[in-house]
Protein backbone atom coordinates (compact mmCIF):
# COMPACT_ATOMS: atom_id res chain seq x y z
CA GLU A 1 78.36 -68.38 -16.85
CA ARG A 2 80.17 -65.49 -18.81
CA HIS A 3 78.17 -62.86 -20.82
CA GLU A 4 79.09 -61.04 -23.69
CA ALA A 5 78.79 -57.75 -22.17
CA SER A 6 79.57 -56.82 -18.39
CA LEU A 7 76.18 -56.01 -16.77
CA LEU A 8 78.09 -53.02 -15.13
CA CYS A 9 79.14 -50.50 -17.67
CA SER A 10 82.28 -48.35 -17.76
CA GLY A 11 82.30 -44.79 -16.97
CA HIS A 12 80.49 -45.11 -13.92
CA ALA A 13 80.75 -42.86 -11.15
CA ALA A 14 82.72 -44.74 -8.63
CA CYS A 15 85.62 -42.89 -6.88
CA PRO A 16 89.37 -43.90 -8.26
CA GLY A 17 90.40 -47.11 -6.86
CA CYS A 18 87.05 -48.31 -5.34
CA VAL A 19 86.48 -51.90 -5.29
CA GLU A 20 82.78 -52.00 -5.28
CA PRO A 21 82.45 -51.69 -9.19
CA LEU A 22 84.76 -54.62 -9.39
CA SER A 23 82.97 -56.60 -6.88
CA VAL A 24 79.55 -56.00 -8.54
CA ARG A 25 80.89 -56.81 -11.85
CA HIS A 26 81.98 -60.25 -10.80
CA ILE A 27 78.64 -60.74 -8.72
CA LEU A 28 76.52 -59.85 -11.60
CA ASP A 29 78.55 -61.86 -13.94
CA VAL A 30 77.59 -64.80 -11.81
CA LEU A 31 73.85 -63.95 -11.71
CA GLY A 32 73.49 -63.03 -15.09
CA PRO A 33 71.22 -60.73 -17.03
CA ASP A 34 67.95 -62.09 -15.34
CA THR A 35 68.40 -60.35 -12.35
CA MET A 36 66.82 -57.12 -10.85
CA ALA A 37 68.63 -55.16 -8.38
CA VAL A 38 67.59 -53.07 -5.25
CA VAL A 39 69.81 -50.18 -4.53
CA PRO A 40 69.33 -47.91 -1.85
CA PRO A 41 70.93 -44.64 -1.08
CA SER A 42 74.71 -45.29 -0.84
CA CYS A 43 77.95 -45.58 -2.67
CA MET A 44 76.32 -48.18 -5.10
CA ALA A 45 73.61 -45.65 -5.72
CA ILE A 46 76.07 -43.03 -6.74
CA ILE A 47 77.96 -45.97 -9.12
CA ALA A 48 74.73 -46.82 -10.74
CA GLY A 49 73.61 -43.45 -11.28
CA PRO A 50 70.31 -41.49 -10.94
CA GLN A 51 67.15 -42.97 -12.66
CA PRO A 52 66.14 -43.34 -15.24
CA PHE A 53 69.97 -43.70 -16.25
CA SER A 54 71.93 -46.33 -14.66
CA SER A 55 75.56 -47.95 -15.34
CA LEU A 56 73.78 -51.40 -14.44
CA ARG A 57 72.71 -53.39 -17.37
CA ILE A 58 69.69 -54.63 -15.46
CA PRO A 59 66.41 -53.20 -13.86
CA VAL A 60 67.48 -50.95 -10.74
CA TYR A 61 64.96 -50.09 -7.97
CA GLN A 62 66.10 -47.31 -5.67
CA PRO A 63 63.95 -47.37 -2.38
CA THR A 64 64.78 -45.08 0.69
CA LEU A 65 67.73 -46.18 2.73
CA GLU A 66 65.86 -47.93 5.20
CA ALA A 67 63.65 -50.04 3.28
CA SER A 68 66.11 -52.34 1.03
CA ALA A 69 64.92 -55.73 2.25
CA ALA A 70 61.23 -54.57 2.11
CA ALA A 71 61.55 -53.43 -1.27
CA ALA A 72 63.27 -56.68 -2.43
CA SER A 73 60.49 -58.62 -0.50
CA GLY A 74 57.94 -56.78 -2.56
CA LEU A 75 59.80 -57.34 -6.06
CA ARG A 76 60.51 -60.99 -5.30
CA ARG A 77 56.72 -61.38 -4.42
CA ALA A 78 55.60 -59.39 -7.87
CA LEU A 79 58.07 -61.52 -9.74
CA ASP A 80 56.47 -64.75 -8.36
CA VAL A 81 53.21 -63.50 -9.35
CA GLN A 82 54.11 -63.22 -12.97
CA GLY A 83 55.63 -66.55 -12.94
CA LYS A 84 59.12 -65.31 -12.89
CA ARG A 85 60.41 -67.28 -10.48
CA GLU A 86 64.09 -68.00 -11.93
CA THR A 87 64.83 -64.12 -11.84
CA GLN A 88 67.32 -63.34 -9.19
CA VAL A 89 66.61 -60.41 -6.94
CA ILE A 90 69.61 -58.65 -5.08
CA VAL A 91 70.15 -55.94 -2.74
CA LEU A 92 73.28 -53.95 -3.41
CA ALA A 93 73.58 -52.00 -0.03
CA GLY A 94 76.33 -50.60 1.92
CA ASP A 95 76.91 -51.01 5.59
CA GLY A 96 75.06 -47.83 6.57
CA GLY A 97 72.17 -49.03 5.08
CA THR A 98 72.46 -52.57 6.46
CA TYR A 99 74.39 -52.61 9.70
CA ASP A 100 72.43 -49.47 11.00
CA ILE A 101 69.60 -47.67 8.87
CA GLY A 102 68.08 -50.76 7.22
CA PHE A 103 68.80 -53.70 9.93
CA GLN A 104 65.12 -53.45 11.35
CA CYS A 105 63.91 -54.14 7.83
CA LEU A 106 66.65 -56.95 6.96
CA SER A 107 65.89 -58.38 10.36
CA SER A 108 62.17 -58.68 9.43
CA ALA A 109 62.74 -60.24 6.16
CA ALA A 110 65.11 -62.67 7.51
CA GLU A 111 62.54 -63.98 10.19
CA ARG A 112 59.74 -64.36 7.26
CA ASN A 113 62.91 -65.99 5.07
CA GLU A 114 62.08 -64.02 2.41
CA ASP A 115 63.78 -65.07 -0.94
CA PHE A 116 66.55 -62.72 -2.22
CA LEU A 117 70.08 -62.48 -2.09
CA TYR A 118 71.42 -59.37 -0.02
CA VAL A 119 74.83 -58.21 -0.58
CA CYS A 120 76.47 -55.66 1.73
CA LEU A 121 79.28 -53.80 0.31
CA ASP A 122 80.73 -53.17 3.48
CA ASN A 123 83.49 -50.07 3.43
CA GLU A 124 83.00 -49.72 7.06
CA GLY A 125 81.57 -46.30 7.20
CA TYR A 126 79.38 -43.84 5.50
CA MET A 127 81.60 -42.94 2.93
CA ASN A 128 79.60 -41.12 0.33
CA THR A 129 78.71 -38.43 2.96
CA GLY A 130 81.73 -37.62 4.73
CA ALA A 131 83.33 -40.74 6.07
CA GLN A 132 81.05 -40.87 9.21
CA LYS A 133 81.35 -44.16 11.59
CA SER A 134 78.53 -47.00 11.06
CA SER A 135 78.39 -49.86 13.53
CA SER A 136 80.42 -51.72 10.70
CA THR A 137 83.38 -49.37 11.47
CA PRO A 138 86.21 -51.02 13.47
CA HIS A 139 87.12 -50.22 17.03
CA TYR A 140 89.30 -47.24 17.39
CA ALA A 141 88.92 -46.16 13.75
CA ARG A 142 89.07 -42.46 13.26
CA THR A 143 86.32 -41.27 11.09
CA GLY A 144 84.52 -37.94 10.53
CA SER A 145 82.15 -38.58 13.32
CA THR A 146 84.78 -40.11 15.80
CA PRO A 147 87.81 -38.21 15.25
CA ALA A 148 89.55 -39.57 18.29
CA GLY A 149 88.52 -42.86 17.27
CA LYS A 150 85.42 -45.29 17.56
CA THR A 151 84.98 -46.22 21.08
CA THR A 152 82.78 -49.54 20.12
CA ARG A 153 83.42 -52.56 18.33
CA LYS A 154 82.31 -53.71 15.11
CA LYS A 155 78.95 -55.31 14.71
CA ASN A 156 79.14 -58.85 13.66
CA LEU A 157 76.44 -59.12 10.91
CA ALA A 158 77.47 -62.50 9.79
CA GLU A 159 76.73 -64.03 13.12
CA ILE A 160 73.64 -61.72 13.69
CA MET A 161 71.99 -63.11 10.37
CA ALA A 162 73.11 -66.69 11.25
CA ALA A 163 71.27 -66.34 14.35
CA HIS A 164 68.27 -65.74 12.25
CA GLY A 165 68.45 -69.31 10.66
CA VAL A 166 68.63 -67.97 7.08
CA PRO A 167 69.53 -70.59 4.26
CA TYR A 168 73.05 -68.94 3.68
CA VAL A 169 75.31 -66.41 5.34
CA ALA A 170 78.71 -65.81 3.86
CA THR A 171 81.62 -63.40 4.17
CA ALA A 172 84.07 -62.58 1.05
CA SER A 173 86.48 -60.51 -0.29
CA ILE A 174 87.23 -59.05 -3.80
CA GLY A 175 90.81 -60.07 -2.77
CA HIS A 176 89.87 -63.83 -3.19
CA LEU A 177 87.80 -63.36 -6.46
CA ALA A 178 87.60 -67.29 -6.93
CA ASP A 179 86.03 -67.79 -3.13
CA LEU A 180 83.59 -64.66 -3.90
CA LYS A 181 82.51 -66.22 -6.90
CA ARG A 182 81.93 -69.57 -5.71
CA LYS A 183 79.97 -68.30 -2.86
CA VAL A 184 77.55 -66.03 -5.17
CA GLU A 185 77.03 -69.45 -7.19
CA LYS A 186 76.07 -70.99 -3.95
CA ALA A 187 73.78 -68.35 -2.85
CA LYS A 188 72.11 -68.46 -6.26
CA ALA A 189 71.36 -72.11 -6.29
CA LEU A 190 69.62 -71.57 -3.10
CA ARG A 191 66.01 -70.02 -2.16
CA GLY A 192 65.30 -67.77 0.91
CA LEU A 193 67.18 -64.98 2.31
CA ARG A 194 70.76 -65.13 1.37
CA LEU A 195 73.43 -62.72 2.79
CA VAL A 196 77.21 -62.09 1.57
CA THR A 197 79.08 -59.20 3.05
CA LEU A 198 82.36 -58.37 1.56
């Protein structure tokens, strides 16, 4: 479904050449304006901008870094009580807030099969704080905190989440836009915790 105006405004604060705004623009284009976003501290929080200002034309809640999945769970339940069951709740989080700091919260929400779409914008490191390694950083990669190369492998988040038995787990790339949009459309049609990493 195409909307008149993009739900992500131009003039946002992304770094030149960053693919996150392009990814989010197309994800939100599929979800539509009846969507609410949870955006923890991350590159996406910088792109969205400080509250009450935002480059997103949908409501945005910015929780603490570790609490995205809990915030999305509470938001979903509040919307359900109001009878707004069709409103999509989406988390737009980075790999630091997903693979590492927010993982306990995400795992708990998956165990309860909370009803929201969790999108991990995986740039394989803590990029907006100096490019330190995360557990998503590939083996041997040099980062601000691993100048000689990371000594451990990348955590396989998709397999871990699939092992939770959630209704939908997908990996995607903005390099394959039609595939990304198809996966978001499928996730939108389902209920329960859905995860897409890109």
